[in-house]
């Protein structure tokens, strides 16, 4: 038996942590460092230098499986952090901003992809649509940190951005589910994809109602026990399996729905913290690094560079025009509308997850992954700079804090409340330390805010 995978994990965890800390010092999300670490230890850099004779870390089936677990856990956490009450209160303004923030980038992405993929076949049409799907995703973690720093997180601009980002992700996941379903070789009728997607959500929500009562019972009987988050993981993996196996839709859709169904429990924060420990310790770093490891510059042509430039422009302008335009229609001033558009401009983990799913489904060649990485880095740099310029001279709002539910994910700046003191009597597998001062550090500290 080869134990090379142990060395691969050591290199990946060391590289992602060191570069993550460097990005944190530079005011960037740690996911950027993880991506760069993957590129630096993977074939993209070393294969040309050593003619393939020496590569620190290669993309193996083991890394693929670990990365897939990372994706599922990230999306499960995203579901857990979805604030359904806030979603209900978000109203027409946030919904319109989110909808336009999906439709405009989707259309721009489709248009810029046509010269590169043409519309000669169903597969090419789906590839063009998928390019648009990638840039519909929003990652407001950087925006959240910037707005908090400026004291604007609870202003009406910050509130709309946070609410719209949640709705944006839900719409994006549904569109991804539909497009990847159409790519299924045995699927020739688009309406069947809609039927299967609808059946999955109906069945998932129906079962989820019963699970909700079960988890309320478990939380009451065994408060703050590890068995509760373990059962939560069981639900996550079961939903992910059923989504892919029985309904032919993306496993991340199942994981995301499972998280949403468990997002309004008394123990939700506890479940999220326990899942997050597993995620940020190994699975998330491996996932983000694997994207860099998979990146290849072989066969890189000027046309790919042109696509990359157009893709980044479409990604940045799509959110500014879509979200900012919708904000203006809703009665915001031009300056406030620009703030909303730029606040929704940043891309991160969701865009990367969507891209990985599309590449795995054959919707996009591996070479185009570089364009997404450039968009993530560029938007992560520009969003906080432009927001600070637009808010220059404005006095801060008092008590500018926000509850969990901003869509923040592992390896990016997150918002959180202080963890509860937890005790563990009758522990399930091993002794557990209280998390208020040790053990589970606050997410803000772990993920790069403090």
Protein backbone atom coordinates (compact mmCIF):
# COMPACT_ATOMS: atom_id res chain seq x y z
CA UNK A 1 0.00 0.00 0.00
CA UNK A 2 1.31 3.45 -0.96
CA UNK A 3 1.34 6.06 1.77
CA UNK A 4 2.07 8.93 -0.63
CA UNK A 5 -1.35 10.43 0.13
CA UNK A 6 -0.12 11.31 3.63
CA UNK A 7 2.69 13.43 2.19
CA UNK A 8 0.23 15.04 -0.25
CA UNK A 9 -2.05 16.03 2.64
CA UNK A 10 0.88 17.41 4.63
CA UNK A 11 2.03 19.57 1.72
CA UNK A 12 -1.50 20.80 0.96
CA UNK A 13 -2.37 21.69 4.57
CA UNK A 14 0.97 23.44 5.12
CA UNK A 15 0.78 25.35 1.84
CA UNK A 16 -2.85 26.43 2.22
CA UNK A 17 -2.32 27.58 5.80
CA UNK A 18 0.84 29.59 5.11
CA UNK A 19 -0.52 31.28 2.01
CA UNK A 20 -3.89 31.71 3.71
CA UNK A 21 -2.20 33.64 6.52
CA UNK A 22 -0.34 35.73 3.95
CA UNK A 23 -3.59 36.60 2.18
CA UNK A 24 -5.12 37.49 5.53
CA UNK A 25 -2.29 39.97 6.14
CA UNK A 26 -2.99 41.48 2.71
CA UNK A 27 -6.70 41.83 3.50
CA UNK A 28 -7.77 39.08 1.08
CA UNK A 29 -9.85 35.93 1.79
CA UNK A 30 -7.82 32.86 2.68
CA UNK A 31 -9.45 30.95 -0.17
CA UNK A 32 -7.21 32.94 -2.54
CA UNK A 33 -4.17 31.62 -0.67
CA UNK A 34 -5.49 28.07 -0.88
CA UNK A 35 -5.97 28.40 -4.64
CA UNK A 36 -2.46 29.78 -5.09
CA UNK A 37 -1.02 27.03 -2.89
CA UNK A 38 -2.64 24.42 -5.13
CA UNK A 39 -1.15 26.02 -8.24
CA UNK A 40 2.30 26.28 -6.66
CA UNK A 41 2.48 22.61 -5.60
CA UNK A 42 0.68 21.18 -8.63
CA UNK A 43 1.61 20.27 -12.20
CA UNK A 44 0.86 23.76 -13.61
CA UNK A 45 4.19 25.10 -12.31
CA UNK A 46 6.33 21.99 -11.84
CA UNK A 47 5.52 19.96 -14.94
CA UNK A 48 7.05 22.47 -17.42
CA UNK A 49 10.07 23.02 -15.17
CA UNK A 50 10.88 19.34 -14.63
CA UNK A 51 9.29 17.93 -17.80
CA UNK A 52 6.89 15.96 -15.63
CA UNK A 53 9.63 14.17 -13.68
CA UNK A 54 8.88 15.85 -10.37
CA UNK A 55 5.53 17.17 -9.15
CA UNK A 56 5.05 17.81 -5.39
CA UNK A 57 1.32 16.96 -5.46
CA UNK A 58 -0.63 15.33 -8.29
CA UNK A 59 -4.40 15.20 -8.64
CA UNK A 60 -5.36 11.68 -7.53
CA UNK A 61 -8.62 9.83 -6.94
CA UNK A 62 -7.99 10.17 -3.21
CA UNK A 63 -7.76 13.96 -3.43
CA UNK A 64 -10.81 13.99 -5.69
CA UNK A 65 -12.89 12.14 -3.06
CA UNK A 66 -11.66 14.33 -0.19
CA UNK A 67 -12.38 17.45 -2.25
CA UNK A 68 -15.89 16.20 -2.99
CA UNK A 69 -16.52 15.83 0.73
CA UNK A 70 -15.22 19.36 1.17
CA UNK A 71 -17.72 20.69 -1.39
CA UNK A 72 -20.62 18.89 0.29
CA UNK A 73 -19.66 20.16 3.76
CA UNK A 74 -19.25 23.74 2.51
CA UNK A 75 -22.70 23.71 0.91
CA UNK A 76 -24.22 22.09 4.00
CA UNK A 77 -22.77 24.91 6.11
CA UNK A 78 -24.10 27.46 3.63
CA UNK A 79 -27.56 25.98 4.14
CA UNK A 80 -27.18 25.99 7.92
CA UNK A 81 -26.19 29.66 7.82
CA UNK A 82 -29.22 30.63 5.74
CA UNK A 83 -31.47 32.77 7.92
CA UNK A 84 -35.01 31.87 6.82
CA UNK A 85 -36.57 34.54 9.03
CA UNK A 86 -34.35 37.20 7.49
CA UNK A 87 -35.18 35.80 4.07
CA UNK A 88 -38.89 36.26 4.73
CA UNK A 89 -38.33 39.83 5.91
CA UNK A 90 -36.03 40.77 3.03
CA UNK A 91 -38.99 41.82 0.91
CA UNK A 92 -39.26 42.97 -2.65
CA UNK A 93 -36.11 45.09 -2.77
CA UNK A 94 -33.67 42.33 -1.86
CA UNK A 95 -35.52 39.83 -4.07
CA UNK A 96 -35.37 42.14 -7.08
CA UNK A 97 -31.68 42.89 -6.49
CA UNK A 98 -30.95 39.16 -6.26
CA UNK A 99 -33.01 38.30 -9.34
CA UNK A 100 -31.37 40.99 -11.49
CA UNK A 101 -28.01 39.97 -10.03
CA UNK A 102 -28.61 36.53 -11.52
CA UNK A 103 -30.31 37.38 -14.81
CA UNK A 104 -27.87 40.07 -16.02
CA UNK A 105 -24.62 38.11 -15.35
CA UNK A 106 -26.24 34.98 -16.80
CA UNK A 107 -27.07 36.85 -20.02
CA UNK A 108 -23.63 38.49 -20.24
CA UNK A 109 -21.85 35.19 -19.62
CA UNK A 110 -23.91 33.50 -22.30
CA UNK A 111 -23.15 36.25 -24.82
CA UNK A 112 -19.38 36.34 -24.28
CA UNK A 113 -19.20 32.53 -24.50
CA UNK A 114 -20.89 32.28 -27.91
CA UNK A 115 -17.76 33.17 -29.99
CA UNK A 116 -15.77 30.52 -28.12
CA UNK A 117 -18.28 27.66 -28.05
CA UNK A 118 -20.74 28.60 -30.85
CA UNK A 119 -24.32 27.36 -30.77
CA UNK A 120 -23.87 24.46 -33.18
CA UNK A 121 -25.05 21.77 -30.78
CA UNK A 122 -27.00 21.27 -27.57
CA UNK A 123 -23.75 20.66 -25.70
CA UNK A 124 -22.29 23.97 -26.87
CA UNK A 125 -25.45 25.86 -25.94
CA UNK A 126 -25.31 24.33 -22.45
CA UNK A 127 -21.63 25.32 -22.16
CA UNK A 128 -22.52 28.93 -23.02
CA UNK A 129 -25.33 28.91 -20.46
CA UNK A 130 -23.03 27.41 -17.87
CA UNK A 131 -20.49 30.20 -18.33
CA UNK A 132 -23.28 32.57 -17.31
CA UNK A 133 -24.26 30.33 -14.39
CA UNK A 134 -20.74 30.57 -12.95
CA UNK A 135 -20.84 34.36 -12.70
CA UNK A 136 -24.29 34.43 -11.09
CA UNK A 137 -22.72 33.32 -7.79
CA UNK A 138 -21.98 35.95 -5.14
CA UNK A 139 -19.62 35.76 -2.17
CA UNK A 140 -20.26 38.66 0.20
CA UNK A 141 -17.83 37.60 2.90
CA UNK A 142 -15.32 40.26 1.86
CA UNK A 143 -18.12 42.82 1.60
CA UNK A 144 -19.34 41.90 5.10
CA UNK A 145 -15.88 42.46 6.58
CA UNK A 146 -15.48 45.76 4.71
CA UNK A 147 -18.92 47.08 5.69
CA UNK A 148 -18.34 46.15 9.32
CA UNK A 149 -15.01 47.96 9.27
CA UNK A 150 -16.75 51.04 7.83
CA UNK A 151 -19.61 50.77 10.31
CA UNK A 152 -22.18 50.30 7.54
CA UNK A 153 -23.21 46.69 8.00
CA UNK A 154 -26.65 47.53 9.42
CA UNK A 155 -27.42 50.34 7.03
CA UNK A 156 -30.02 49.76 4.34
CA UNK A 157 -27.29 49.07 1.77
CA UNK A 158 -25.71 46.38 3.97
CA UNK A 159 -29.08 44.82 4.80
CA UNK A 160 -30.08 44.57 1.14
CA UNK A 161 -26.70 43.09 0.17
CA UNK A 162 -26.86 40.40 2.87
CA UNK A 163 -30.44 39.40 2.09
CA UNK A 164 -29.93 39.49 -1.69
CA UNK A 165 -26.81 37.34 -1.42
CA UNK A 166 -28.78 34.55 0.28
CA UNK A 167 -31.52 34.64 -2.37
CA UNK A 168 -28.86 34.88 -5.07
CA UNK A 169 -27.22 31.64 -3.94
CA UNK A 170 -30.56 29.79 -3.78
CA UNK A 171 -31.45 30.84 -7.33
CA UNK A 172 -27.95 30.00 -8.56
CA UNK A 173 -28.05 26.49 -7.11
CA UNK A 174 -31.45 25.83 -8.72
CA UNK A 175 -30.17 27.01 -12.13
CA UNK A 176 -27.04 24.87 -11.76
CA UNK A 177 -29.22 21.87 -10.93
CA UNK A 178 -31.28 22.42 -14.08
CA UNK A 179 -28.29 22.93 -16.41
CA UNK A 180 -26.31 19.94 -15.13
CA UNK A 181 -29.48 17.86 -15.38
CA UNK A 182 -29.81 18.77 -19.06
CA UNK A 183 -26.23 17.59 -19.60
CA UNK A 184 -27.24 14.09 -18.53
CA UNK A 185 -26.72 11.87 -21.62
CA UNK A 186 -30.05 10.11 -21.05
CA UNK A 187 -31.98 13.37 -20.71
CA UNK A 188 -33.45 14.77 -23.93
CA UNK A 189 -36.55 16.53 -22.55
CA UNK A 190 -35.89 19.70 -20.55
CA UNK A 191 -39.23 19.51 -18.77
CA UNK A 192 -38.19 16.19 -17.22
CA UNK A 193 -35.27 17.95 -15.56
CA UNK A 194 -37.71 20.45 -14.08
CA UNK A 195 -39.99 17.63 -12.96
CA UNK A 196 -37.17 15.73 -11.28
CA UNK A 197 -35.85 18.90 -9.63
CA UNK A 198 -39.34 19.77 -8.36
CA UNK A 199 -39.87 16.21 -7.11
CA UNK A 200 -36.57 16.31 -5.24
CA UNK A 201 -37.45 19.56 -3.48
CA UNK A 202 -40.96 18.36 -2.66
CA UNK A 203 -39.69 15.03 -1.30
CA UNK A 204 -36.75 16.67 0.49
CA UNK A 205 -38.88 19.31 2.19
CA UNK A 206 -41.54 16.75 3.06
CA UNK A 207 -39.00 14.49 4.77
CA UNK A 208 -37.35 17.57 6.25
CA UNK A 209 -40.49 18.52 8.17
CA UNK A 210 -40.32 15.21 10.01
CA UNK A 211 -36.57 15.57 10.51
CA UNK A 212 -37.13 19.00 12.00
CA UNK A 213 -39.34 17.55 14.71
CA UNK A 214 -36.81 14.74 15.27
CA UNK A 215 -33.93 17.18 15.74
CA UNK A 216 -35.96 19.33 18.09
CA UNK A 217 -36.51 16.21 20.20
CA UNK A 218 -32.81 15.29 20.03
CA UNK A 219 -31.75 18.84 20.97
CA UNK A 220 -34.11 18.84 23.93
CA UNK A 221 -33.06 15.39 25.14
CA UNK A 222 -29.31 15.78 24.45
CA UNK A 223 -28.48 19.50 24.29
CA UNK A 224 -24.98 20.28 23.08
CA UNK A 225 -24.02 16.65 22.56
CA UNK A 226 -21.91 15.56 19.64
CA UNK A 227 -24.51 13.02 18.57
CA UNK A 228 -26.72 15.90 17.34
CA UNK A 229 -24.22 17.27 14.75
CA UNK A 230 -23.32 13.69 13.80
CA UNK A 231 -26.97 13.04 12.98
CA UNK A 232 -26.88 16.33 11.08
CA UNK A 233 -24.03 15.00 8.95
CA UNK A 234 -26.02 11.83 8.35
CA UNK A 235 -28.86 13.95 6.95
CA UNK A 236 -26.40 15.96 4.84
CA UNK A 237 -24.79 12.92 3.22
CA UNK A 238 -28.12 11.13 2.78
CA UNK A 239 -29.67 14.12 0.99
CA UNK A 240 -26.56 14.53 -1.17
CA UNK A 241 -26.69 10.85 -2.15
CA UNK A 242 -30.41 10.88 -2.91
CA UNK A 243 -30.13 14.04 -5.01
CA UNK A 244 -27.45 12.49 -7.23
CA UNK A 245 -28.56 8.87 -7.25
CA UNK A 246 -32.36 8.99 -7.41
CA UNK A 247 -33.06 12.38 -8.99
CA UNK A 248 -29.99 12.89 -11.17
CA UNK A 249 -29.20 16.36 -9.83
CA UNK A 250 -26.07 17.73 -8.18
CA UNK A 251 -25.17 16.30 -4.77
CA UNK A 252 -24.40 19.81 -3.52
CA UNK A 253 -28.08 20.67 -4.06
CA UNK A 254 -29.00 17.93 -1.61
CA UNK A 255 -26.41 19.07 0.91
CA UNK A 256 -27.56 22.68 0.61
CA UNK A 257 -31.23 21.74 1.10
CA UNK A 258 -30.32 19.60 4.12
CA UNK A 259 -28.59 22.60 5.69
CA UNK A 260 -31.56 24.88 5.04
CA UNK A 261 -33.95 22.36 6.60
CA UNK A 262 -31.84 22.32 9.79
CA UNK A 263 -31.16 26.07 9.81
CA UNK A 264 -33.93 27.10 12.24
CA UNK A 265 -33.15 24.77 15.14
CA UNK A 266 -32.06 25.74 18.62
CA UNK A 267 -28.90 23.68 18.06
CA UNK A 268 -28.16 24.98 14.54
CA UNK A 269 -25.16 27.07 15.61
CA UNK A 270 -23.77 24.13 17.54
CA UNK A 271 -24.20 21.80 14.55
CA UNK A 272 -22.58 24.37 12.26
CA UNK A 273 -19.58 24.82 14.55
CA UNK A 274 -18.95 21.09 14.83
CA UNK A 275 -19.28 20.55 11.08
CA UNK A 276 -17.03 23.54 10.48
CA UNK A 277 -14.23 21.99 12.55
CA UNK A 278 -14.08 18.99 10.23
CA UNK A 279 -14.44 21.20 7.19
CA UNK A 280 -11.76 23.82 7.83
CA UNK A 281 -9.24 21.37 9.31
CA UNK A 282 -8.90 19.21 6.20
CA UNK A 283 -11.75 18.98 3.69
CA UNK A 284 -12.08 22.64 2.67
CA UNK A 285 -8.32 23.23 2.26
CA UNK A 286 -8.04 20.11 0.11
CA UNK A 287 -10.99 21.20 -2.03
CA UNK A 288 -9.67 24.69 -2.73
CA UNK A 289 -6.10 23.46 -3.22
CA UNK A 290 -7.35 20.75 -5.60
CA UNK A 291 -8.71 23.46 -7.90
CA UNK A 292 -5.22 24.92 -8.15
CA UNK A 293 -3.70 21.47 -8.56
CA UNK A 294 -6.07 20.73 -11.43
CA UNK A 295 -5.25 24.01 -13.15
CA UNK A 296 -3.14 23.49 -16.24
CA UNK A 297 -1.56 25.96 -18.66
CA UNK A 298 -0.79 23.34 -21.28
CA UNK A 299 -2.48 24.23 -24.55
CA UNK A 300 -3.11 27.75 -23.27
CA UNK A 301 -3.87 29.85 -26.36
CA UNK A 302 -4.48 33.59 -26.95
CA UNK A 303 -8.17 32.78 -27.36
CA UNK A 304 -8.25 31.48 -23.76
CA UNK A 305 -6.63 34.71 -22.57
CA UNK A 306 -9.26 36.73 -24.47
CA UNK A 307 -12.01 34.61 -22.92
CA UNK A 308 -10.49 35.18 -19.48
CA UNK A 309 -10.55 38.96 -19.93
CA UNK A 310 -14.13 39.00 -21.23
CA UNK A 311 -15.24 36.60 -18.49
CA UNK A 312 -13.80 38.80 -15.73
CA UNK A 313 -15.38 41.93 -17.24
CA UNK A 314 -18.75 40.19 -17.57
CA UNK A 315 -18.51 38.96 -13.99
CA UNK A 316 -17.72 42.40 -12.57
CA UNK A 317 -20.09 44.44 -14.72
CA UNK A 318 -22.92 41.90 -14.48
CA UNK A 319 -23.33 42.44 -10.75
CA UNK A 320 -22.79 46.19 -10.89
CA UNK A 321 -25.35 46.64 -13.67
CA UNK A 322 -27.82 43.98 -12.47
CA UNK A 323 -27.79 44.57 -8.71
CA UNK A 324 -27.04 48.28 -8.91
CA UNK A 325 -29.73 48.84 -11.54
CA UNK A 326 -32.30 46.96 -9.47
CA UNK A 327 -31.36 49.02 -6.40
CA UNK A 328 -31.91 52.21 -8.39
CA UNK A 329 -35.35 50.99 -9.51
CA UNK A 330 -36.15 50.32 -5.84
CA UNK A 331 -35.55 53.94 -4.91
CA UNK A 332 -31.89 53.98 -3.87
CA UNK A 333 -29.72 56.92 -4.87
CA UNK A 334 -27.11 56.51 -7.61
CA UNK A 335 -24.34 56.32 -5.01
CA UNK A 336 -26.22 53.76 -2.90
CA UNK A 337 -27.00 51.73 -6.03
CA UNK A 338 -23.31 51.66 -6.94
CA UNK A 339 -22.53 50.45 -3.41
CA UNK A 340 -25.05 47.62 -3.74
CA UNK A 341 -23.69 46.58 -7.13
CA UNK A 342 -20.07 46.57 -5.99
CA UNK A 343 -21.00 44.89 -2.71
CA UNK A 344 -22.47 42.00 -4.70
CA UNK A 345 -19.50 41.88 -7.09
CA UNK A 346 -17.12 39.65 -5.12
CA UNK A 347 -16.86 35.97 -6.05
CA UNK A 348 -15.47 33.13 -3.99
CA UNK A 349 -16.21 29.59 -2.90
CA UNK A 350 -19.65 29.25 -4.55
CA UNK A 351 -18.31 30.22 -7.99
CA UNK A 352 -15.50 27.69 -7.57
CA UNK A 353 -17.90 24.96 -6.49
CA UNK A 354 -20.21 25.65 -9.43
CA UNK A 355 -17.24 25.56 -11.83
CA UNK A 356 -16.00 22.25 -10.44
CA UNK A 357 -19.45 20.72 -10.87
CA UNK A 358 -19.66 21.96 -14.45
CA UNK A 359 -16.22 20.63 -15.35
CA UNK A 360 -17.08 17.26 -13.79
CA UNK A 361 -20.28 17.20 -15.88
CA UNK A 362 -18.39 17.98 -19.09
CA UNK A 363 -19.91 21.45 -19.46
CA UNK A 364 -16.56 23.23 -19.52
CA UNK A 365 -12.97 22.22 -20.38
CA UNK A 366 -10.37 22.33 -17.59
CA UNK A 367 -8.48 25.14 -19.33
CA UNK A 368 -11.26 27.61 -18.56
CA UNK A 369 -10.83 27.08 -14.82
CA UNK A 370 -8.08 29.71 -14.88
CA UNK A 371 -10.65 32.37 -15.86
CA UNK A 372 -12.69 31.65 -12.72
CA UNK A 373 -9.60 31.85 -10.50
CA UNK A 374 -8.71 35.23 -12.03
CA UNK A 375 -12.28 36.46 -11.43
CA UNK A 376 -12.16 35.35 -7.78
CA UNK A 377 -8.84 37.12 -7.18
CA UNK A 378 -9.76 40.27 -9.13
CA UNK A 379 -13.17 40.72 -7.52
CA UNK A 380 -11.71 40.02 -4.08
CA UNK A 381 -9.20 42.83 -4.61
CA UNK A 382 -11.53 45.38 -6.20
CA UNK A 383 -14.68 45.02 -4.05
CA UNK A 384 -13.25 46.31 -0.73
CA UNK A 385 -11.20 49.05 -2.43
CA UNK A 386 -14.18 50.43 -4.36
CA UNK A 387 -16.53 50.14 -1.39
CA UNK A 388 -14.18 52.16 0.80
CA UNK A 389 -13.96 54.84 -1.89
CA UNK A 390 -17.76 55.01 -2.21
CA UNK A 391 -18.25 55.27 1.57
CA UNK A 392 -15.49 57.82 2.06
CA UNK A 393 -16.68 60.73 4.20
CA UNK A 394 -19.84 58.99 5.47
CA UNK A 395 -20.16 58.74 9.28
CA UNK A 396 -20.38 55.17 10.65
CA UNK A 397 -23.67 53.78 11.89
CA UNK A 398 -23.96 52.81 15.59
CA UNK A 399 -23.77 49.18 16.65
CA UNK A 400 -22.89 47.88 13.20
CA UNK A 401 -23.10 44.21 13.77
CA UNK A 402 -25.02 41.47 12.01
CA UNK A 403 -26.29 38.00 12.89
CA UNK A 404 -25.09 34.82 11.30
CA UNK A 405 -26.71 34.18 7.98
CA UNK A 406 -24.59 36.20 5.59
CA UNK A 407 -23.59 33.29 3.42
CA UNK A 408 -20.02 33.26 4.74
CA UNK A 409 -18.24 29.96 4.32
CA UNK A 410 -15.04 28.27 5.45
CA UNK A 411 -11.75 29.88 4.34
CA UNK A 412 -13.35 33.31 3.94
CA UNK A 413 -14.10 36.14 6.30
CA UNK A 414 -17.27 35.32 8.23
CA UNK A 415 -19.70 36.98 10.61
CA UNK A 416 -20.67 35.24 13.80
CA UNK A 417 -21.89 35.63 17.29
CA UNK A 418 -19.82 34.41 20.21
CA UNK A 419 -20.06 30.66 20.67
CA UNK A 420 -22.08 29.38 23.55
CA UNK A 421 -20.44 27.71 26.49
CA UNK A 422 -20.93 24.01 25.96
CA UNK A 423 -20.55 21.11 28.31
CA UNK A 424 -20.41 17.49 27.43
CA UNK A 425 -21.55 14.85 29.87
CA UNK A 426 -21.94 11.34 28.59
CA UNK A 427 -19.70 12.24 25.64
CA UNK A 428 -20.08 10.07 22.55
CA UNK A 429 -16.54 9.46 21.33
CA UNK A 430 -14.03 11.55 23.21
CA UNK A 431 -13.86 14.24 25.88
CA UNK A 432 -14.80 17.67 24.60
CA UNK A 433 -13.42 20.96 25.89
CA UNK A 434 -15.58 24.06 26.35
CA UNK A 435 -15.44 26.20 23.24
CA UNK A 436 -15.78 29.66 24.74
CA UNK A 437 -12.03 30.02 25.21
CA UNK A 438 -10.49 26.86 23.79
CA UNK A 439 -11.39 24.11 21.39
CA UNK A 440 -13.64 25.72 18.80
CA UNK A 441 -12.25 29.22 18.30
CA UNK A 442 -14.71 31.88 17.18
CA UNK A 443 -15.25 31.74 13.44
CA UNK A 444 -14.18 35.36 13.02
CA UNK A 445 -10.80 34.48 14.52
CA UNK A 446 -10.37 31.21 12.64
CA UNK A 447 -11.38 32.50 9.27
CA UNK A 448 -9.38 35.65 9.00
CA UNK A 449 -11.15 38.66 10.47
CA UNK A 450 -9.23 39.12 13.71
